[in-house]
Amino acid sequence: SRDAMAYVLAGGRGSRLKELTDRRAKP
């Protein structure tokens, strides 16, 4: 882990959460 990079994909909307993701991304 000392020689690793974590790359987190956090661009999704999460449309199945309906209005909870109207103003924010699912993450």
mmCIF file of all heavy atoms, coordinates in Angstrom:
data_MODEL
# 
_entry.id   MODEL 
# 
loop_
_atom_site.group_PDB 
_atom_site.id 
_atom_site.type_symbol 
_atom_site.label_atom_id 
_atom_site.label_alt_id 
_atom_site.label_comp_id 
_atom_site.label_asym_id 
_atom_site.label_entity_id 
_atom_site.label_seq_id 
_atom_site.pdbx_PDB_ins_code 
_atom_site.Cartn_x 
_atom_site.Cartn_y 
_atom_site.Cartn_z 
_atom_site.occupancy 
_atom_site.B_iso_or_equiv 
_atom_site.pdbx_formal_charge 
_atom_site.auth_seq_id 
_atom_site.auth_comp_id 
_atom_site.auth_asym_id 
_atom_site.auth_atom_id 
_atom_site.pdbx_PDB_model_num 
ATOM 1   N N   . SER A 1 1  ? 0.820   -1.214 0.000   1.00 0.00 ? 1  SER A N   1 
ATOM 2   C CA  . SER A 1 1  ? 0.000   0.000  0.000   1.00 0.00 ? 1  SER A CA  1 
ATOM 3   C C   . SER A 1 1  ? 0.858   1.270  0.000   1.00 0.00 ? 1  SER A C   1 
ATOM 4   O O   . SER A 1 1  ? 0.396   2.328  -0.433  1.00 0.00 ? 1  SER A O   1 
ATOM 5   C CB  . SER A 1 1  ? -0.934  0.005  1.212   1.00 0.00 ? 1  SER A CB  1 
ATOM 6   O OG  . SER A 1 1  ? -0.189  -0.121 2.408   1.00 0.00 ? 1  SER A OG  1 
ATOM 7   N N   . ARG A 1 2  ? 2.116   1.157  0.477   1.00 0.00 ? 2  ARG A N   1 
ATOM 8   C CA  . ARG A 1 2  ? 2.997   2.329  0.485   1.00 0.00 ? 2  ARG A CA  1 
ATOM 9   C C   . ARG A 1 2  ? 3.379   2.744  -0.931  1.00 0.00 ? 2  ARG A C   1 
ATOM 10  O O   . ARG A 1 2  ? 3.844   3.866  -1.149  1.00 0.00 ? 2  ARG A O   1 
ATOM 11  C CB  . ARG A 1 2  ? 4.270   2.006  1.290   1.00 0.00 ? 2  ARG A CB  1 
ATOM 12  C CG  . ARG A 1 2  ? 4.032   1.739  2.760   1.00 0.00 ? 2  ARG A CG  1 
ATOM 13  C CD  . ARG A 1 2  ? 3.919   3.028  3.567   1.00 0.00 ? 2  ARG A CD  1 
ATOM 14  N NE  . ARG A 1 2  ? 5.212   3.677  3.702   1.00 0.00 ? 2  ARG A NE  1 
ATOM 15  C CZ  . ARG A 1 2  ? 6.107   3.376  4.638   1.00 0.00 ? 2  ARG A CZ  1 
ATOM 16  N NH1 . ARG A 1 2  ? 5.857   2.410  5.517   1.00 0.00 ? 2  ARG A NH1 1 
ATOM 17  N NH2 . ARG A 1 2  ? 7.246   4.026  4.711   1.00 0.00 ? 2  ARG A NH2 1 
ATOM 18  N N   . ASP A 1 3  ? 3.225   1.823  -1.878  1.00 0.00 ? 3  ASP A N   1 
ATOM 19  C CA  . ASP A 1 3  ? 3.594   2.113  -3.257  1.00 0.00 ? 3  ASP A CA  1 
ATOM 20  C C   . ASP A 1 3  ? 2.363   2.057  -4.166  1.00 0.00 ? 3  ASP A C   1 
ATOM 21  O O   . ASP A 1 3  ? 2.453   1.667  -5.330  1.00 0.00 ? 3  ASP A O   1 
ATOM 22  C CB  . ASP A 1 3  ? 4.654   1.111  -3.727  1.00 0.00 ? 3  ASP A CB  1 
ATOM 23  C CG  . ASP A 1 3  ? 5.520   1.698  -4.851  1.00 0.00 ? 3  ASP A CG  1 
ATOM 24  O OD1 . ASP A 1 3  ? 5.472   2.925  -5.044  1.00 0.00 ? 3  ASP A OD1 1 
ATOM 25  O OD2 . ASP A 1 3  ? 6.215   0.933  -5.529  1.00 0.00 ? 3  ASP A OD2 1 
ATOM 26  N N   . ALA A 1 4  ? 1.207   2.416  -3.591  1.00 0.00 ? 4  ALA A N   1 
ATOM 27  C CA  . ALA A 1 4  ? -0.048  2.348  -4.353  1.00 0.00 ? 4  ALA A CA  1 
ATOM 28  C C   . ALA A 1 4  ? -0.784  3.683  -4.271  1.00 0.00 ? 4  ALA A C   1 
ATOM 29  O O   . ALA A 1 4  ? -0.602  4.457  -3.332  1.00 0.00 ? 4  ALA A O   1 
ATOM 30  C CB  . ALA A 1 4  ? -0.938  1.230  -3.800  1.00 0.00 ? 4  ALA A CB  1 
ATOM 31  N N   . MET A 1 5  ? -1.621  3.914  -5.266  1.00 0.00 ? 5  MET A N   1 
ATOM 32  C CA  . MET A 1 5  ? -2.519  5.069  -5.262  1.00 0.00 ? 5  MET A CA  1 
ATOM 33  C C   . MET A 1 5  ? -3.948  4.551  -5.359  1.00 0.00 ? 5  MET A C   1 
ATOM 34  O O   . MET A 1 5  ? -4.240  3.654  -6.151  1.00 0.00 ? 5  MET A O   1 
ATOM 35  C CB  . MET A 1 5  ? -2.227  5.996  -6.440  1.00 0.00 ? 5  MET A CB  1 
ATOM 36  C CG  . MET A 1 5  ? -3.139  7.219  -6.517  1.00 0.00 ? 5  MET A CG  1 
ATOM 37  S SD  . MET A 1 5  ? -2.723  8.285  -7.918  1.00 0.00 ? 5  MET A SD  1 
ATOM 38  C CE  . MET A 1 5  ? -3.819  9.696  -7.606  1.00 0.00 ? 5  MET A CE  1 
ATOM 39  N N   . ALA A 1 6  ? -4.817  5.087  -4.530  1.00 0.00 ? 6  ALA A N   1 
ATOM 40  C CA  . ALA A 1 6  ? -6.245  4.772  -4.606  1.00 0.00 ? 6  ALA A CA  1 
ATOM 41  C C   . ALA A 1 6  ? -6.914  5.842  -5.459  1.00 0.00 ? 6  ALA A C   1 
ATOM 42  O O   . ALA A 1 6  ? -6.739  7.041  -5.215  1.00 0.00 ? 6  ALA A O   1 
ATOM 43  C CB  . ALA A 1 6  ? -6.865  4.730  -3.221  1.00 0.00 ? 6  ALA A CB  1 
ATOM 44  N N   . TYR A 1 7  ? -7.660  5.406  -6.454  1.00 0.00 ? 7  TYR A N   1 
ATOM 45  C CA  . TYR A 1 7  ? -8.350  6.331  -7.347  1.00 0.00 ? 7  TYR A CA  1 
ATOM 46  C C   . TYR A 1 7  ? -9.846  6.054  -7.225  1.00 0.00 ? 7  TYR A C   1 
ATOM 47  O O   . TYR A 1 7  ? -10.327 4.988  -7.618  1.00 0.00 ? 7  TYR A O   1 
ATOM 48  C CB  . TYR A 1 7  ? -7.869  6.118  -8.783  1.00 0.00 ? 7  TYR A CB  1 
ATOM 49  C CG  . TYR A 1 7  ? -8.204  7.246  -9.733  1.00 0.00 ? 7  TYR A CG  1 
ATOM 50  C CD1 . TYR A 1 7  ? -7.271  8.240  -10.030 1.00 0.00 ? 7  TYR A CD1 1 
ATOM 51  C CD2 . TYR A 1 7  ? -9.449  7.316  -10.347 1.00 0.00 ? 7  TYR A CD2 1 
ATOM 52  C CE1 . TYR A 1 7  ? -7.570  9.259  -10.910 1.00 0.00 ? 7  TYR A CE1 1 
ATOM 53  C CE2 . TYR A 1 7  ? -9.758  8.338  -11.222 1.00 0.00 ? 7  TYR A CE2 1 
ATOM 54  C CZ  . TYR A 1 7  ? -8.816  9.312  -11.499 1.00 0.00 ? 7  TYR A CZ  1 
ATOM 55  O OH  . TYR A 1 7  ? -9.117  10.339 -12.375 1.00 0.00 ? 7  TYR A OH  1 
ATOM 56  N N   . VAL A 1 8  ? -10.559 7.002  -6.632  1.00 0.00 ? 8  VAL A N   1 
ATOM 57  C CA  . VAL A 1 8  ? -11.967 6.796  -6.292  1.00 0.00 ? 8  VAL A CA  1 
ATOM 58  C C   . VAL A 1 8  ? -12.853 7.451  -7.354  1.00 0.00 ? 8  VAL A C   1 
ATOM 59  O O   . VAL A 1 8  ? -12.733 8.655  -7.622  1.00 0.00 ? 8  VAL A O   1 
ATOM 60  C CB  . VAL A 1 8  ? -12.290 7.382  -4.901  1.00 0.00 ? 8  VAL A CB  1 
ATOM 61  C CG1 . VAL A 1 8  ? -13.753 7.125  -4.539  1.00 0.00 ? 8  VAL A CG1 1 
ATOM 62  C CG2 . VAL A 1 8  ? -11.374 6.773  -3.841  1.00 0.00 ? 8  VAL A CG2 1 
ATOM 63  N N   . LEU A 1 9  ? -13.717 6.646  -7.949  1.00 0.00 ? 9  LEU A N   1 
ATOM 64  C CA  . LEU A 1 9  ? -14.641 7.145  -8.976  1.00 0.00 ? 9  LEU A CA  1 
ATOM 65  C C   . LEU A 1 9  ? -15.903 7.657  -8.289  1.00 0.00 ? 9  LEU A C   1 
ATOM 66  O O   . LEU A 1 9  ? -16.676 6.887  -7.730  1.00 0.00 ? 9  LEU A O   1 
ATOM 67  C CB  . LEU A 1 9  ? -14.976 6.014  -9.956  1.00 0.00 ? 9  LEU A CB  1 
ATOM 68  C CG  . LEU A 1 9  ? -13.751 5.429  -10.684 1.00 0.00 ? 9  LEU A CG  1 
ATOM 69  C CD1 . LEU A 1 9  ? -14.118 4.127  -11.380 1.00 0.00 ? 9  LEU A CD1 1 
ATOM 70  C CD2 . LEU A 1 9  ? -13.170 6.432  -11.671 1.00 0.00 ? 9  LEU A CD2 1 
ATOM 71  N N   . ALA A 1 10 ? -16.083 8.977  -8.307  1.00 0.00 ? 10 ALA A N   1 
ATOM 72  C CA  . ALA A 1 10 ? -17.168 9.584  -7.532  1.00 0.00 ? 10 ALA A CA  1 
ATOM 73  C C   . ALA A 1 10 ? -17.989 10.556 -8.366  1.00 0.00 ? 10 ALA A C   1 
ATOM 74  O O   . ALA A 1 10 ? -18.527 11.542 -7.851  1.00 0.00 ? 10 ALA A O   1 
ATOM 75  C CB  . ALA A 1 10 ? -16.583 10.305 -6.308  1.00 0.00 ? 10 ALA A CB  1 
ATOM 76  N N   . GLY A 1 11 ? -18.109 10.262 -9.657  1.00 0.00 ? 11 GLY A N   1 
ATOM 77  C CA  . GLY A 1 11 ? -18.814 11.195 -10.541 1.00 0.00 ? 11 GLY A CA  1 
ATOM 78  C C   . GLY A 1 11 ? -20.251 10.830 -10.838 1.00 0.00 ? 11 GLY A C   1 
ATOM 79  O O   . GLY A 1 11 ? -20.959 11.568 -11.508 1.00 0.00 ? 11 GLY A O   1 
ATOM 80  N N   . GLY A 1 12 ? -20.705 9.677  -10.313 1.00 0.00 ? 12 GLY A N   1 
ATOM 81  C CA  . GLY A 1 12 ? -22.041 9.201  -10.679 1.00 0.00 ? 12 GLY A CA  1 
ATOM 82  C C   . GLY A 1 12 ? -23.167 9.932  -9.978  1.00 0.00 ? 12 GLY A C   1 
ATOM 83  O O   . GLY A 1 12 ? -23.018 10.381 -8.841  1.00 0.00 ? 12 GLY A O   1 
ATOM 84  N N   . ARG A 1 13 ? -24.296 10.009 -10.647 1.00 0.00 ? 13 ARG A N   1 
ATOM 85  C CA  . ARG A 1 13 ? -25.448 10.709 -10.078 1.00 0.00 ? 13 ARG A CA  1 
ATOM 86  C C   . ARG A 1 13 ? -26.166 9.852  -9.039  1.00 0.00 ? 13 ARG A C   1 
ATOM 87  O O   . ARG A 1 13 ? -26.550 10.332 -7.983  1.00 0.00 ? 13 ARG A O   1 
ATOM 88  C CB  . ARG A 1 13 ? -26.449 11.083 -11.183 1.00 0.00 ? 13 ARG A CB  1 
ATOM 89  C CG  . ARG A 1 13 ? -27.732 11.605 -10.558 1.00 0.00 ? 13 ARG A CG  1 
ATOM 90  C CD  . ARG A 1 13 ? -28.745 12.149 -11.511 1.00 0.00 ? 13 ARG A CD  1 
ATOM 91  N NE  . ARG A 1 13 ? -29.922 12.590 -10.742 1.00 0.00 ? 13 ARG A NE  1 
ATOM 92  C CZ  . ARG A 1 13 ? -30.948 13.200 -11.257 1.00 0.00 ? 13 ARG A CZ  1 
ATOM 93  N NH1 . ARG A 1 13 ? -30.982 13.472 -12.518 1.00 0.00 ? 13 ARG A NH1 1 
ATOM 94  N NH2 . ARG A 1 13 ? -31.966 13.550 -10.495 1.00 0.00 ? 13 ARG A NH2 1 
ATOM 95  N N   . GLY A 1 14 ? -26.385 8.572  -9.359  1.00 0.00 ? 14 GLY A N   1 
ATOM 96  C CA  . GLY A 1 14 ? -27.205 7.746  -8.469  1.00 0.00 ? 14 GLY A CA  1 
ATOM 97  C C   . GLY A 1 14 ? -28.667 8.094  -8.634  1.00 0.00 ? 14 GLY A C   1 
ATOM 98  O O   . GLY A 1 14 ? -29.363 8.417  -7.662  1.00 0.00 ? 14 GLY A O   1 
ATOM 99  N N   . SER A 1 15 ? -29.171 8.019  -9.867  1.00 0.00 ? 15 SER A N   1 
ATOM 100 C CA  . SER A 1 15 ? -30.519 8.506  -10.174 1.00 0.00 ? 15 SER A CA  1 
ATOM 101 C C   . SER A 1 15 ? -31.616 7.719  -9.454  1.00 0.00 ? 15 SER A C   1 
ATOM 102 O O   . SER A 1 15 ? -32.721 8.229  -9.264  1.00 0.00 ? 15 SER A O   1 
ATOM 103 C CB  . SER A 1 15 ? -30.765 8.471  -11.691 1.00 0.00 ? 15 SER A CB  1 
ATOM 104 O OG  . SER A 1 15 ? -30.551 7.162  -12.193 1.00 0.00 ? 15 SER A OG  1 
ATOM 105 N N   . ARG A 1 16 ? -31.325 6.472  -9.036  1.00 0.00 ? 16 ARG A N   1 
ATOM 106 C CA  . ARG A 1 16 ? -32.356 5.680  -8.342  1.00 0.00 ? 16 ARG A CA  1 
ATOM 107 C C   . ARG A 1 16 ? -32.639 6.213  -6.937  1.00 0.00 ? 16 ARG A C   1 
ATOM 108 O O   . ARG A 1 16 ? -33.620 5.834  -6.314  1.00 0.00 ? 16 ARG A O   1 
ATOM 109 C CB  . ARG A 1 16 ? -31.937 4.212  -8.274  1.00 0.00 ? 16 ARG A CB  1 
ATOM 110 C CG  . ARG A 1 16 ? -31.909 3.517  -9.636  1.00 0.00 ? 16 ARG A CG  1 
ATOM 111 C CD  . ARG A 1 16 ? -31.421 2.081  -9.514  1.00 0.00 ? 16 ARG A CD  1 
ATOM 112 N NE  . ARG A 1 16 ? -30.087 2.016  -8.933  1.00 0.00 ? 16 ARG A NE  1 
ATOM 113 C CZ  . ARG A 1 16 ? -29.590 0.969  -8.282  1.00 0.00 ? 16 ARG A CZ  1 
ATOM 114 N NH1 . ARG A 1 16 ? -30.314 -0.122 -8.142  1.00 0.00 ? 16 ARG A NH1 1 
ATOM 115 N NH2 . ARG A 1 16 ? -28.363 1.003  -7.780  1.00 0.00 ? 16 ARG A NH2 1 
ATOM 116 N N   . LEU A 1 17 ? -31.781 7.122  -6.452  1.00 0.00 ? 17 LEU A N   1 
ATOM 117 C CA  . LEU A 1 17 ? -32.053 7.768  -5.161  1.00 0.00 ? 17 LEU A CA  1 
ATOM 118 C C   . LEU A 1 17 ? -32.960 8.991  -5.318  1.00 0.00 ? 17 LEU A C   1 
ATOM 119 O O   . LEU A 1 17 ? -33.209 9.722  -4.354  1.00 0.00 ? 17 LEU A O   1 
ATOM 120 C CB  . LEU A 1 17 ? -30.736 8.171  -4.471  1.00 0.00 ? 17 LEU A CB  1 
ATOM 121 C CG  . LEU A 1 17 ? -29.976 7.012  -3.819  1.00 0.00 ? 17 LEU A CG  1 
ATOM 122 C CD1 . LEU A 1 17 ? -28.588 7.463  -3.369  1.00 0.00 ? 17 LEU A CD1 1 
ATOM 123 C CD2 . LEU A 1 17 ? -30.745 6.442  -2.628  1.00 0.00 ? 17 LEU A CD2 1 
ATOM 124 N N   . LYS A 1 18 ? -33.417 9.200  -6.561  1.00 0.00 ? 18 LYS A N   1 
ATOM 125 C CA  . LYS A 1 18 ? -34.420 10.240 -6.860  1.00 0.00 ? 18 LYS A CA  1 
ATOM 126 C C   . LYS A 1 18 ? -33.977 11.609 -6.336  1.00 0.00 ? 18 LYS A C   1 
ATOM 127 O O   . LYS A 1 18 ? -32.871 12.040 -6.581  1.00 0.00 ? 18 LYS A O   1 
ATOM 128 C CB  . LYS A 1 18 ? -35.787 9.830  -6.295  1.00 0.00 ? 18 LYS A CB  1 
ATOM 129 C CG  . LYS A 1 18 ? -36.253 8.448  -6.741  1.00 0.00 ? 18 LYS A CG  1 
ATOM 130 C CD  . LYS A 1 18 ? -36.378 8.341  -8.245  1.00 0.00 ? 18 LYS A CD  1 
ATOM 131 C CE  . LYS A 1 18 ? -36.868 6.958  -8.657  1.00 0.00 ? 18 LYS A CE  1 
ATOM 132 N NZ  . LYS A 1 18 ? -36.900 6.786  -10.110 1.00 0.00 ? 18 LYS A NZ  1 
ATOM 133 N N   . GLU A 1 19 ? -34.843 12.259 -5.538  1.00 0.00 ? 19 GLU A N   1 
ATOM 134 C CA  . GLU A 1 19 ? -34.571 13.642 -5.122  1.00 0.00 ? 19 GLU A CA  1 
ATOM 135 C C   . GLU A 1 19 ? -33.379 13.782 -4.180  1.00 0.00 ? 19 GLU A C   1 
ATOM 136 O O   . GLU A 1 19 ? -32.845 14.886 -4.013  1.00 0.00 ? 19 GLU A O   1 
ATOM 137 C CB  . GLU A 1 19 ? -35.819 14.255 -4.467  1.00 0.00 ? 19 GLU A CB  1 
ATOM 138 C CG  . GLU A 1 19 ? -36.961 14.543 -5.426  1.00 0.00 ? 19 GLU A CG  1 
ATOM 139 C CD  . GLU A 1 19 ? -37.820 13.345 -5.752  1.00 0.00 ? 19 GLU A CD  1 
ATOM 140 O OE1 . GLU A 1 19 ? -37.554 12.245 -5.203  1.00 0.00 ? 19 GLU A OE1 1 
ATOM 141 O OE2 . GLU A 1 19 ? -38.769 13.481 -6.557  1.00 0.00 ? 19 GLU A OE2 1 
ATOM 142 N N   . LEU A 1 20 ? -32.943 12.679 -3.554  1.00 0.00 ? 20 LEU A N   1 
ATOM 143 C CA  . LEU A 1 20 ? -31.769 12.757 -2.671  1.00 0.00 ? 20 LEU A CA  1 
ATOM 144 C C   . LEU A 1 20 ? -30.518 13.160 -3.437  1.00 0.00 ? 20 LEU A C   1 
ATOM 145 O O   . LEU A 1 20 ? -29.571 13.703 -2.853  1.00 0.00 ? 20 LEU A O   1 
ATOM 146 C CB  . LEU A 1 20 ? -31.511 11.408 -1.979  1.00 0.00 ? 20 LEU A CB  1 
ATOM 147 C CG  . LEU A 1 20 ? -32.220 11.123 -0.655  1.00 0.00 ? 20 LEU A CG  1 
ATOM 148 C CD1 . LEU A 1 20 ? -31.760 9.788  -0.096  1.00 0.00 ? 20 LEU A CD1 1 
ATOM 149 C CD2 . LEU A 1 20 ? -31.998 12.230 0.365   1.00 0.00 ? 20 LEU A CD2 1 
ATOM 150 N N   . THR A 1 21 ? -30.496 12.875 -4.750  1.00 0.00 ? 21 THR A N   1 
ATOM 151 C CA  . THR A 1 21 ? -29.325 13.252 -5.543  1.00 0.00 ? 21 THR A CA  1 
ATOM 152 C C   . THR A 1 21 ? -29.628 14.377 -6.530  1.00 0.00 ? 21 THR A C   1 
ATOM 153 O O   . THR A 1 21 ? -28.920 14.558 -7.513  1.00 0.00 ? 21 THR A O   1 
ATOM 154 C CB  . THR A 1 21 ? -28.762 12.026 -6.298  1.00 0.00 ? 21 THR A CB  1 
ATOM 155 O OG1 . THR A 1 21 ? -29.815 11.387 -7.023  1.00 0.00 ? 21 THR A OG1 1 
ATOM 156 C CG2 . THR A 1 21 ? -28.141 11.035 -5.333  1.00 0.00 ? 21 THR A CG2 1 
ATOM 157 N N   . ASP A 1 22 ? -30.680 15.146 -6.266  1.00 0.00 ? 22 ASP A N   1 
ATOM 158 C CA  . ASP A 1 22 ? -30.966 16.317 -7.104  1.00 0.00 ? 22 ASP A CA  1 
ATOM 159 C C   . ASP A 1 22 ? -29.910 17.411 -6.911  1.00 0.00 ? 22 ASP A C   1 
ATOM 160 O O   . ASP A 1 22 ? -29.640 18.189 -7.819  1.00 0.00 ? 22 ASP A O   1 
ATOM 161 C CB  . ASP A 1 22 ? -32.347 16.894 -6.774  1.00 0.00 ? 22 ASP A CB  1 
ATOM 162 C CG  . ASP A 1 22 ? -33.457 16.189 -7.546  1.00 0.00 ? 22 ASP A CG  1 
ATOM 163 O OD1 . ASP A 1 22 ? -33.128 15.288 -8.352  1.00 0.00 ? 22 ASP A OD1 1 
ATOM 164 O OD2 . ASP A 1 22 ? -34.629 16.523 -7.329  1.00 0.00 ? 22 ASP A OD2 1 
ATOM 165 N N   . ARG A 1 23 ? -29.341 17.475 -5.703  1.00 0.00 ? 23 ARG A N   1 
ATOM 166 C CA  . ARG A 1 23 ? -28.383 18.553 -5.390  1.00 0.00 ? 23 ARG A CA  1 
ATOM 167 C C   . ARG A 1 23 ? -26.980 18.046 -5.097  1.00 0.00 ? 23 ARG A C   1 
ATOM 168 O O   . ARG A 1 23 ? -26.085 18.852 -4.852  1.00 0.00 ? 23 ARG A O   1 
ATOM 169 C CB  . ARG A 1 23 ? -28.876 19.336 -4.173  1.00 0.00 ? 23 ARG A CB  1 
ATOM 170 C CG  . ARG A 1 23 ? -30.169 20.068 -4.407  1.00 0.00 ? 23 ARG A CG  1 
ATOM 171 C CD  . ARG A 1 23 ? -30.558 20.877 -3.202  1.00 0.00 ? 23 ARG A CD  1 
ATOM 172 N NE  . ARG A 1 23 ? -31.797 21.601 -3.423  1.00 0.00 ? 23 ARG A NE  1 
ATOM 173 C CZ  . ARG A 1 23 ? -32.381 22.351 -2.506  1.00 0.00 ? 23 ARG A CZ  1 
ATOM 174 N NH1 . ARG A 1 23 ? -31.846 22.450 -1.302  1.00 0.00 ? 23 ARG A NH1 1 
ATOM 175 N NH2 . ARG A 1 23 ? -33.506 22.979 -2.766  1.00 0.00 ? 23 ARG A NH2 1 
ATOM 176 N N   . ARG A 1 24 ? -26.802 16.730 -5.061  1.00 0.00 ? 24 ARG A N   1 
ATOM 177 C CA  . ARG A 1 24 ? -25.494 16.181 -4.704  1.00 0.00 ? 24 ARG A CA  1 
ATOM 178 C C   . ARG A 1 24 ? -25.279 14.872 -5.439  1.00 0.00 ? 24 ARG A C   1 
ATOM 179 O O   . ARG A 1 24 ? -26.238 14.175 -5.771  1.00 0.00 ? 24 ARG A O   1 
ATOM 180 C CB  . ARG A 1 24 ? -25.401 15.966 -3.189  1.00 0.00 ? 24 ARG A CB  1 
ATOM 181 C CG  . ARG A 1 24 ? -26.473 15.046 -2.643  1.00 0.00 ? 24 ARG A CG  1 
ATOM 182 C CD  . ARG A 1 24 ? -26.419 14.895 -1.129  1.00 0.00 ? 24 ARG A CD  1 
ATOM 183 N NE  . ARG A 1 24 ? -27.037 15.995 -0.409  1.00 0.00 ? 24 ARG A NE  1 
ATOM 184 C CZ  . ARG A 1 24 ? -28.326 16.049 -0.077  1.00 0.00 ? 24 ARG A CZ  1 
ATOM 185 N NH1 . ARG A 1 24 ? -29.151 15.081 -0.442  1.00 0.00 ? 24 ARG A NH1 1 
ATOM 186 N NH2 . ARG A 1 24 ? -28.791 17.066 0.597   1.00 0.00 ? 24 ARG A NH2 1 
ATOM 187 N N   . ALA A 1 25 ? -24.038 14.532 -5.696  1.00 0.00 ? 25 ALA A N   1 
ATOM 188 C CA  . ALA A 1 25 ? -23.708 13.233 -6.282  1.00 0.00 ? 25 ALA A CA  1 
ATOM 189 C C   . ALA A 1 25 ? -23.948 12.140 -5.251  1.00 0.00 ? 25 ALA A C   1 
ATOM 190 O O   . ALA A 1 25 ? -23.895 12.387 -4.038  1.00 0.00 ? 25 ALA A O   1 
ATOM 191 C CB  . ALA A 1 25 ? -22.247 13.222 -6.726  1.00 0.00 ? 25 ALA A CB  1 
ATOM 192 N N   . LYS A 1 26 ? -24.182 10.917 -5.716  1.00 0.00 ? 26 LYS A N   1 
ATOM 193 C CA  . LYS A 1 26 ? -24.461 9.812  -4.799  1.00 0.00 ? 26 LYS A CA  1 
ATOM 194 C C   . LYS A 1 26 ? -23.366 9.624  -3.733  1.00 0.00 ? 26 LYS A C   1 
ATOM 195 O O   . LYS A 1 26 ? -23.683 9.413  -2.561  1.00 0.00 ? 26 LYS A O   1 
ATOM 196 C CB  . LYS A 1 26 ? -24.670 8.519  -5.589  1.00 0.00 ? 26 LYS A CB  1 
ATOM 197 C CG  . LYS A 1 26 ? -25.008 7.309  -4.706  1.00 0.00 ? 26 LYS A CG  1 
ATOM 198 C CD  . LYS A 1 26 ? -25.148 6.051  -5.530  1.00 0.00 ? 26 LYS A CD  1 
ATOM 199 C CE  . LYS A 1 26 ? -25.221 4.814  -4.675  1.00 0.00 ? 26 LYS A CE  1 
ATOM 200 N NZ  . LYS A 1 26 ? -25.192 3.568  -5.463  1.00 0.00 ? 26 LYS A NZ  1 
ATOM 201 N N   . PRO A 1 27 ? -22.065 9.715  -4.079  1.00 0.00 ? 27 PRO A N   1 
ATOM 202 C CA  . PRO A 1 27 ? -21.046 9.541  -3.032  1.00 0.00 ? 27 PRO A CA  1 
ATOM 203 C C   . PRO A 1 27 ? -21.125 10.580 -1.916  1.00 0.00 ? 27 PRO A C   1 
ATOM 204 O O   . PRO A 1 27 ? -20.615 10.344 -0.811  1.00 0.00 ? 27 PRO A O   1 
ATOM 205 C CB  . PRO A 1 27 ? -19.724 9.666  -3.796  1.00 0.00 ? 27 PRO A CB  1 
ATOM 206 C CG  . PRO A 1 27 ? -20.065 9.276  -5.197  1.00 0.00 ? 27 PRO A CG  1 
ATOM 207 C CD  . PRO A 1 27 ? -21.451 9.812  -5.420  1.00 0.00 ? 27 PRO A CD  1 
# 
